[in-house]
Amino acid sequence: MLRVAVIGAGFFARFHYEAWSRLADVELVGACDLDLSKAQSAAAEFGGEAWDDPAAMIAGLKPDLIDIA
């Protein structure tokens, strides 16, 4: 299972979250945006934890892959 965290939760980031969520061997573990409410919305819809600090998210979740949207 590939653990993916996404940095960014704006308009175009939605396409990234949707694509990752369609892959069977991928788990979305984190959504990060400077606007925490956007990260919370993405996490609620696609899974994972919401963060507003990219460095803290990476240190806390230790994802296999970071998608910068």
PDB file of N, CA and C in Angstrom:
ATOM      1  N   MET A   1       0.848  -1.174   0.000  1.00  0.00           N
ATOM      2  CA  MET A   1       0.000   0.000   0.000  1.00  0.00           C
ATOM      3  C   MET A   1       0.900   1.245   0.000  1.00  0.00           C
ATOM      4  N   LEU A   2       0.669   2.124  -0.943  1.00  0.00           N
ATOM      5  CA  LEU A   2       1.407   3.379  -1.044  1.00  0.00           C
ATOM      6  C   LEU A   2       0.675   4.444  -0.239  1.00  0.00           C
ATOM      7  N   ARG A   3       1.365   5.034   0.728  1.00  0.00           N
ATOM      8  CA  ARG A   3       0.770   6.057   1.594  1.00  0.00           C
ATOM      9  C   ARG A   3       1.087   7.435   1.011  1.00  0.00           C
ATOM     10  N   VAL A   4       0.044   8.167   0.603  1.00  0.00           N
ATOM     11  CA  VAL A   4       0.203   9.444  -0.092  1.00  0.00           C
ATOM     12  C   VAL A   4      -0.351  10.588   0.753  1.00  0.00           C
ATOM     13  N   ALA A   5       0.424  11.667   0.804  1.00  0.00           N
ATOM     14  CA  ALA A   5      -0.038  12.915   1.418  1.00  0.00           C
ATOM     15  C   ALA A   5      -0.015  13.989   0.330  1.00  0.00           C
ATOM     16  N   VAL A   6      -1.014  14.843   0.349  1.00  0.00           N
ATOM     17  CA  VAL A   6      -1.123  15.888  -0.666  1.00  0.00           C
ATOM     18  C   VAL A   6      -0.964  17.248   0.005  1.00  0.00           C
ATOM     19  N   ILE A   7      -0.095  18.071  -0.578  1.00  0.00           N
ATOM     20  CA  ILE A   7       0.062  19.452  -0.129  1.00  0.00           C
ATOM     21  C   ILE A   7      -0.699  20.318  -1.118  1.00  0.00           C
ATOM     22  N   GLY A   8      -1.702  20.998  -0.620  1.00  0.00           N
ATOM     23  CA  GLY A   8      -2.578  21.821  -1.443  1.00  0.00           C
ATOM     24  C   GLY A   8      -3.981  21.253  -1.405  1.00  0.00           C
ATOM     25  N   ALA A   9      -4.956  22.118  -1.263  1.00  0.00           N
ATOM     26  CA  ALA A   9      -6.349  21.672  -1.232  1.00  0.00           C
ATOM     27  C   ALA A   9      -7.239  22.695  -1.930  1.00  0.00           C
ATOM     28  N   GLY A  10      -6.676  23.358  -2.925  1.00  0.00           N
ATOM     29  CA  GLY A  10      -7.442  24.336  -3.694  1.00  0.00           C
ATOM     30  C   GLY A  10      -8.216  23.668  -4.819  1.00  0.00           C
ATOM     31  N   PHE A  11      -8.682  24.473  -5.754  1.00  0.00           N
ATOM     32  CA  PHE A  11      -9.529  24.001  -6.848  1.00  0.00           C
ATOM     33  C   PHE A  11      -8.890  22.855  -7.629  1.00  0.00           C
ATOM     34  N   PHE A  12      -7.685  23.039  -8.127  1.00  0.00           N
ATOM     35  CA  PHE A  12      -7.049  22.024  -8.960  1.00  0.00           C
ATOM     36  C   PHE A  12      -6.572  20.810  -8.158  1.00  0.00           C
ATOM     37  N   ALA A  13      -6.321  20.984  -6.882  1.00  0.00           N
ATOM     38  CA  ALA A  13      -5.895  19.860  -6.050  1.00  0.00           C
ATOM     39  C   ALA A  13      -6.961  18.779  -5.997  1.00  0.00           C
ATOM     40  N   ARG A  14      -8.206  19.166  -6.141  1.00  0.00           N
ATOM     41  CA  ARG A  14      -9.303  18.200  -6.115  1.00  0.00           C
ATOM     42  C   ARG A  14      -9.073  17.076  -7.138  1.00  0.00           C
ATOM     43  N   PHE A  15      -8.545  17.424  -8.308  1.00  0.00           N
ATOM     44  CA  PHE A  15      -8.273  16.425  -9.340  1.00  0.00           C
ATOM     45  C   PHE A  15      -7.227  15.418  -8.857  1.00  0.00           C
ATOM     46  N   HIS A  16      -6.261  15.883  -8.091  1.00  0.00           N
ATOM     47  CA  HIS A  16      -5.236  15.000  -7.541  1.00  0.00           C
ATOM     48  C   HIS A  16      -5.867  14.037  -6.530  1.00  0.00           C
ATOM     49  N   TYR A  17      -6.655  14.575  -5.598  1.00  0.00           N
ATOM     50  CA  TYR A  17      -7.294  13.736  -4.581  1.00  0.00           C
ATOM     51  C   TYR A  17      -8.190  12.685  -5.237  1.00  0.00           C
ATOM     52  N   GLU A  18      -8.972  13.107  -6.229  1.00  0.00           N
ATOM     53  CA  GLU A  18      -9.871  12.166  -6.903  1.00  0.00           C
ATOM     54  C   GLU A  18      -9.085  11.056  -7.588  1.00  0.00           C
ATOM     55  N   ALA A  19      -8.001  11.410  -8.251  1.00  0.00           N
ATOM     56  CA  ALA A  19      -7.193  10.409  -8.953  1.00  0.00           C
ATOM     57  C   ALA A  19      -6.565   9.422  -7.962  1.00  0.00           C
ATOM     58  N   TRP A  20      -5.983   9.926  -6.889  1.00  0.00           N
ATOM     59  CA  TRP A  20      -5.385   9.034  -5.895  1.00  0.00           C
ATOM     60  C   TRP A  20      -6.437   8.115  -5.279  1.00  0.00           C
ATOM     61  N   SER A  21      -7.615   8.641  -5.037  1.00  0.00           N
ATOM     62  CA  SER A  21      -8.655   7.840  -4.376  1.00  0.00           C
ATOM     63  C   SER A  21      -9.159   6.700  -5.256  1.00  0.00           C
ATOM     64  N   ARG A  22      -8.941   6.779  -6.559  1.00  0.00           N
ATOM     65  CA  ARG A  22      -9.376   5.719  -7.476  1.00  0.00           C
ATOM     66  C   ARG A  22      -8.402   4.539  -7.547  1.00  0.00           C
ATOM     67  N   LEU A  23      -7.193   4.715  -7.060  1.00  0.00           N
ATOM     68  CA  LEU A  23      -6.182   3.663  -7.160  1.00  0.00           C
ATOM     69  C   LEU A  23      -6.292   2.692  -5.986  1.00  0.00           C
ATOM     70  N   ALA A  24      -6.347   1.417  -6.304  1.00  0.00           N
ATOM     71  CA  ALA A  24      -6.582   0.382  -5.287  1.00  0.00           C
ATOM     72  C   ALA A  24      -5.462   0.275  -4.260  1.00  0.00           C
ATOM     73  N   ASP A  25      -4.230   0.466  -4.669  1.00  0.00           N
ATOM     74  CA  ASP A  25      -3.097   0.277  -3.762  1.00  0.00           C
ATOM     75  C   ASP A  25      -2.583   1.577  -3.160  1.00  0.00           C
ATOM     76  N   VAL A  26      -3.462   2.568  -3.050  1.00  0.00           N
ATOM     77  CA  VAL A  26      -3.081   3.871  -2.505  1.00  0.00           C
ATOM     78  C   VAL A  26      -3.983   4.212  -1.329  1.00  0.00           C
ATOM     79  N   GLU A  27      -3.356   4.723  -0.271  1.00  0.00           N
ATOM     80  CA  GLU A  27      -4.104   5.231   0.890  1.00  0.00           C
ATOM     81  C   GLU A  27      -3.745   6.700   1.048  1.00  0.00           C
ATOM     82  N   LEU A  28      -4.750   7.573   0.987  1.00  0.00           N
ATOM     83  CA  LEU A  28      -4.521   8.987   1.250  1.00  0.00           C
ATOM     84  C   LEU A  28      -4.435   9.165   2.761  1.00  0.00           C
ATOM     85  N   VAL A  29      -3.270   9.591   3.228  1.00  0.00           N
ATOM     86  CA  VAL A  29      -3.063   9.700   4.672  1.00  0.00           C
ATOM     87  C   VAL A  29      -3.076  11.132   5.177  1.00  0.00           C
ATOM     88  N   GLY A  30      -2.924  12.107   4.270  1.00  0.00           N
ATOM     89  CA  GLY A  30      -2.876  13.491   4.724  1.00  0.00           C
ATOM     90  C   GLY A  30      -3.257  14.482   3.650  1.00  0.00           C
ATOM     91  N   ALA A  31      -3.904  15.547   4.096  1.00  0.00           N
ATOM     92  CA  ALA A  31      -4.252  16.680   3.244  1.00  0.00           C
ATOM     93  C   ALA A  31      -3.736  17.923   3.960  1.00  0.00           C
ATOM     94  N   CYS A  32      -2.997  18.750   3.237  1.00  0.00           N
ATOM     95  CA  CYS A  32      -2.391  19.921   3.863  1.00  0.00           C
ATOM     96  C   CYS A  32      -2.665  21.166   3.037  1.00  0.00           C
ATOM     97  N   ASP A  33      -3.023  22.233   3.713  1.00  0.00           N
ATOM     98  CA  ASP A  33      -3.210  23.528   3.069  1.00  0.00           C
ATOM     99  C   ASP A  33      -3.022  24.594   4.144  1.00  0.00           C
ATOM    100  N   LEU A  34      -2.487  25.744   3.763  1.00  0.00           N
ATOM    101  CA  LEU A  34      -2.343  26.836   4.727  1.00  0.00           C
ATOM    102  C   LEU A  34      -3.687  27.258   5.293  1.00  0.00           C
ATOM    103  N   ASP A  35      -4.752  27.062   4.500  1.00  0.00           N
ATOM    104  CA  ASP A  35      -6.122  27.284   4.965  1.00  0.00           C
ATOM    105  C   ASP A  35      -6.629  25.939   5.499  1.00  0.00           C
ATOM    106  N   LEU A  36      -6.568  25.772   6.802  1.00  0.00           N
ATOM    107  CA  LEU A  36      -6.894  24.488   7.423  1.00  0.00           C
ATOM    108  C   LEU A  36      -8.294  24.007   7.055  1.00  0.00           C
ATOM    109  N   SER A  37      -9.241  24.906   6.861  1.00  0.00           N
ATOM    110  CA  SER A  37     -10.601  24.484   6.520  1.00  0.00           C
ATOM    111  C   SER A  37     -10.638  23.777   5.165  1.00  0.00           C
ATOM    112  N   LYS A  38      -9.785  24.181   4.233  1.00  0.00           N
ATOM    113  CA  LYS A  38      -9.712  23.491   2.937  1.00  0.00           C
ATOM    114  C   LYS A  38      -9.131  22.097   3.116  1.00  0.00           C
ATOM    115  N   ALA A  39      -8.093  21.976   3.927  1.00  0.00           N
ATOM    116  CA  ALA A  39      -7.498  20.673   4.195  1.00  0.00           C
ATOM    117  C   ALA A  39      -8.508  19.766   4.899  1.00  0.00           C
ATOM    118  N   GLN A  40      -9.271  20.318   5.814  1.00  0.00           N
ATOM    119  CA  GLN A  40     -10.281  19.535   6.525  1.00  0.00           C
ATOM    120  C   GLN A  40     -11.364  19.037   5.574  1.00  0.00           C
ATOM    121  N   SER A  41     -11.752  19.863   4.628  1.00  0.00           N
ATOM    122  CA  SER A  41     -12.762  19.443   3.645  1.00  0.00           C
ATOM    123  C   SER A  41     -12.236  18.305   2.780  1.00  0.00           C
ATOM    124  N   ALA A  42     -10.989  18.423   2.323  1.00  0.00           N
ATOM    125  CA  ALA A  42     -10.393  17.370   1.501  1.00  0.00           C
ATOM    126  C   ALA A  42     -10.262  16.081   2.292  1.00  0.00           C
ATOM    127  N   ALA A  43      -9.814  16.170   3.539  1.00  0.00           N
ATOM    128  CA  ALA A  43      -9.650  14.984   4.375  1.00  0.00           C
ATOM    129  C   ALA A  43     -11.004  14.320   4.667  1.00  0.00           C
ATOM    130  N   ALA A  44     -12.022  15.122   4.884  1.00  0.00           N
ATOM    131  CA  ALA A  44     -13.345  14.571   5.159  1.00  0.00           C
ATOM    132  C   ALA A  44     -13.884  13.811   3.952  1.00  0.00           C
ATOM    133  N   GLU A  45     -13.606  14.319   2.770  1.00  0.00           N
ATOM    134  CA  GLU A  45     -14.126  13.680   1.558  1.00  0.00           C
ATOM    135  C   GLU A  45     -13.280  12.498   1.087  1.00  0.00           C
ATOM    136  N   PHE A  46     -11.951  12.624   1.183  1.00  0.00           N
ATOM    137  CA  PHE A  46     -11.069  11.625   0.578  1.00  0.00           C
ATOM    138  C   PHE A  46     -10.279  10.786   1.583  1.00  0.00           C
ATOM    139  N   GLY A  47     -10.315  11.154   2.856  1.00  0.00           N
ATOM    140  CA  GLY A  47      -9.621  10.387   3.881  1.00  0.00           C
ATOM    141  C   GLY A  47      -8.336  11.054   4.331  1.00  0.00           C
ATOM    142  N   GLY A  48      -7.780  10.531   5.391  1.00  0.00           N
ATOM    143  CA  GLY A  48      -6.544  11.057   5.940  1.00  0.00           C
ATOM    144  C   GLY A  48      -6.779  12.139   6.966  1.00  0.00           C
ATOM    145  N   GLU A  49      -5.675  12.727   7.406  1.00  0.00           N
ATOM    146  CA  GLU A  49      -5.710  13.780   8.419  1.00  0.00           C
ATOM    147  C   GLU A  49      -5.501  15.136   7.762  1.00  0.00           C
ATOM    148  N   ALA A  50      -6.082  16.169   8.344  1.00  0.00           N
ATOM    149  CA  ALA A  50      -5.932  17.535   7.850  1.00  0.00           C
ATOM    150  C   ALA A  50      -4.812  18.247   8.599  1.00  0.00           C
ATOM    151  N   TRP A  51      -3.984  18.968   7.848  1.00  0.00           N
ATOM    152  CA  TRP A  51      -2.858  19.702   8.409  1.00  0.00           C
ATOM    153  C   TRP A  51      -2.768  21.082   7.759  1.00  0.00           C
ATOM    154  N   ASP A  52      -2.150  22.017   8.475  1.00  0.00           N
ATOM    155  CA  ASP A  52      -1.879  23.335   7.878  1.00  0.00           C
ATOM    156  C   ASP A  52      -0.383  23.644   7.849  1.00  0.00           C
ATOM    157  N   ASP A  53       0.441  22.663   8.229  1.00  0.00           N
ATOM    158  CA  ASP A  53       1.894  22.818   8.230  1.00  0.00           C
ATOM    159  C   ASP A  53       2.508  21.625   7.490  1.00  0.00           C
ATOM    160  N   PRO A  54       3.032  21.845   6.278  1.00  0.00           N
ATOM    161  CA  PRO A  54       3.572  20.734   5.497  1.00  0.00           C
ATOM    162  C   PRO A  54       4.693  19.968   6.204  1.00  0.00           C
ATOM    163  N   ALA A  55       5.623  20.671   6.837  1.00  0.00           N
ATOM    164  CA  ALA A  55       6.736  19.999   7.516  1.00  0.00           C
ATOM    165  C   ALA A  55       6.230  19.122   8.659  1.00  0.00           C
ATOM    166  N   ALA A  56       5.278  19.620   9.417  1.00  0.00           N
ATOM    167  CA  ALA A  56       4.709  18.835  10.517  1.00  0.00           C
ATOM    168  C   ALA A  56       3.963  17.612   9.987  1.00  0.00           C
ATOM    169  N   MET A  57       3.237  17.782   8.864  1.00  0.00           N
ATOM    170  CA  MET A  57       2.523  16.651   8.275  1.00  0.00           C
ATOM    171  C   MET A  57       3.502  15.557   7.847  1.00  0.00           C
ATOM    172  N   ILE A  58       4.569  15.951   7.170  1.00  0.00           N
ATOM    173  CA  ILE A  58       5.549  14.985   6.685  1.00  0.00           C
ATOM    174  C   ILE A  58       6.212  14.265   7.860  1.00  0.00           C
ATOM    175  N   ALA A  59       6.595  15.023   8.883  1.00  0.00           N
ATOM    176  CA  ALA A  59       7.232  14.428  10.058  1.00  0.00           C
ATOM    177  C   ALA A  59       6.270  13.513  10.819  1.00  0.00           C
ATOM    178  N   GLY A  60       5.021  13.929  10.903  1.00  0.00           N
ATOM    179  CA  GLY A  60       4.042  13.163  11.677  1.00  0.00           C
ATOM    180  C   GLY A  60       3.528  11.921  10.971  1.00  0.00           C
ATOM    181  N   LEU A  61       3.326  12.005   9.663  1.00  0.00           N
ATOM    182  CA  LEU A  61       2.732  10.886   8.936  1.00  0.00           C
ATOM    183  C   LEU A  61       3.745   9.996   8.235  1.00  0.00           C
ATOM    184  N   LYS A  62       4.901  10.550   7.906  1.00  0.00           N
ATOM    185  CA  LYS A  62       5.926   9.806   7.171  1.00  0.00           C
ATOM    186  C   LYS A  62       5.351   9.096   5.945  1.00  0.00           C
ATOM    187  N   PRO A  63       4.735   9.876   5.025  1.00  0.00           N
ATOM    188  CA  PRO A  63       4.149   9.263   3.832  1.00  0.00           C
ATOM    189  C   PRO A  63       5.212   8.711   2.895  1.00  0.00           C
ATOM    190  N   ASP A  64       4.821   7.770   2.058  1.00  0.00           N
ATOM    191  CA  ASP A  64       5.727   7.231   1.037  1.00  0.00           C
ATOM    192  C   ASP A  64       5.909   8.213  -0.113  1.00  0.00           C
ATOM    193  N   LEU A  65       4.888   9.010  -0.370  1.00  0.00           N
ATOM    194  CA  LEU A  65       4.898   9.933  -1.489  1.00  0.00           C
ATOM    195  C   LEU A  65       4.191  11.215  -1.104  1.00  0.00           C
ATOM    196  N   ILE A  66       4.747  12.345  -1.538  1.00  0.00           N
ATOM    197  CA  ILE A  66       4.118  13.647  -1.303  1.00  0.00           C
ATOM    198  C   ILE A  66       3.765  14.240  -2.650  1.00  0.00           C
ATOM    199  N   ASP A  67       2.483  14.511  -2.838  1.00  0.00           N
ATOM    200  CA  ASP A  67       1.984  15.124  -4.058  1.00  0.00           C
ATOM    201  C   ASP A  67       1.784  16.610  -3.777  1.00  0.00           C
ATOM    202  N   ILE A  68       2.505  17.450  -4.500  1.00  0.00           N
ATOM    203  CA  ILE A  68       2.339  18.898  -4.333  1.00  0.00           C
ATOM    204  C   ILE A  68       1.406  19.364  -5.435  1.00  0.00           C
ATOM    205  N   ALA A  69       0.207  19.711  -5.013  1.00  0.00           N
ATOM    206  CA  ALA A  69      -0.833  20.081  -5.990  1.00  0.00           C
ATOM    207  C   ALA A  69      -0.909  21.584  -6.099  1.00  0.00           C
TER     208      ALA A  69
END
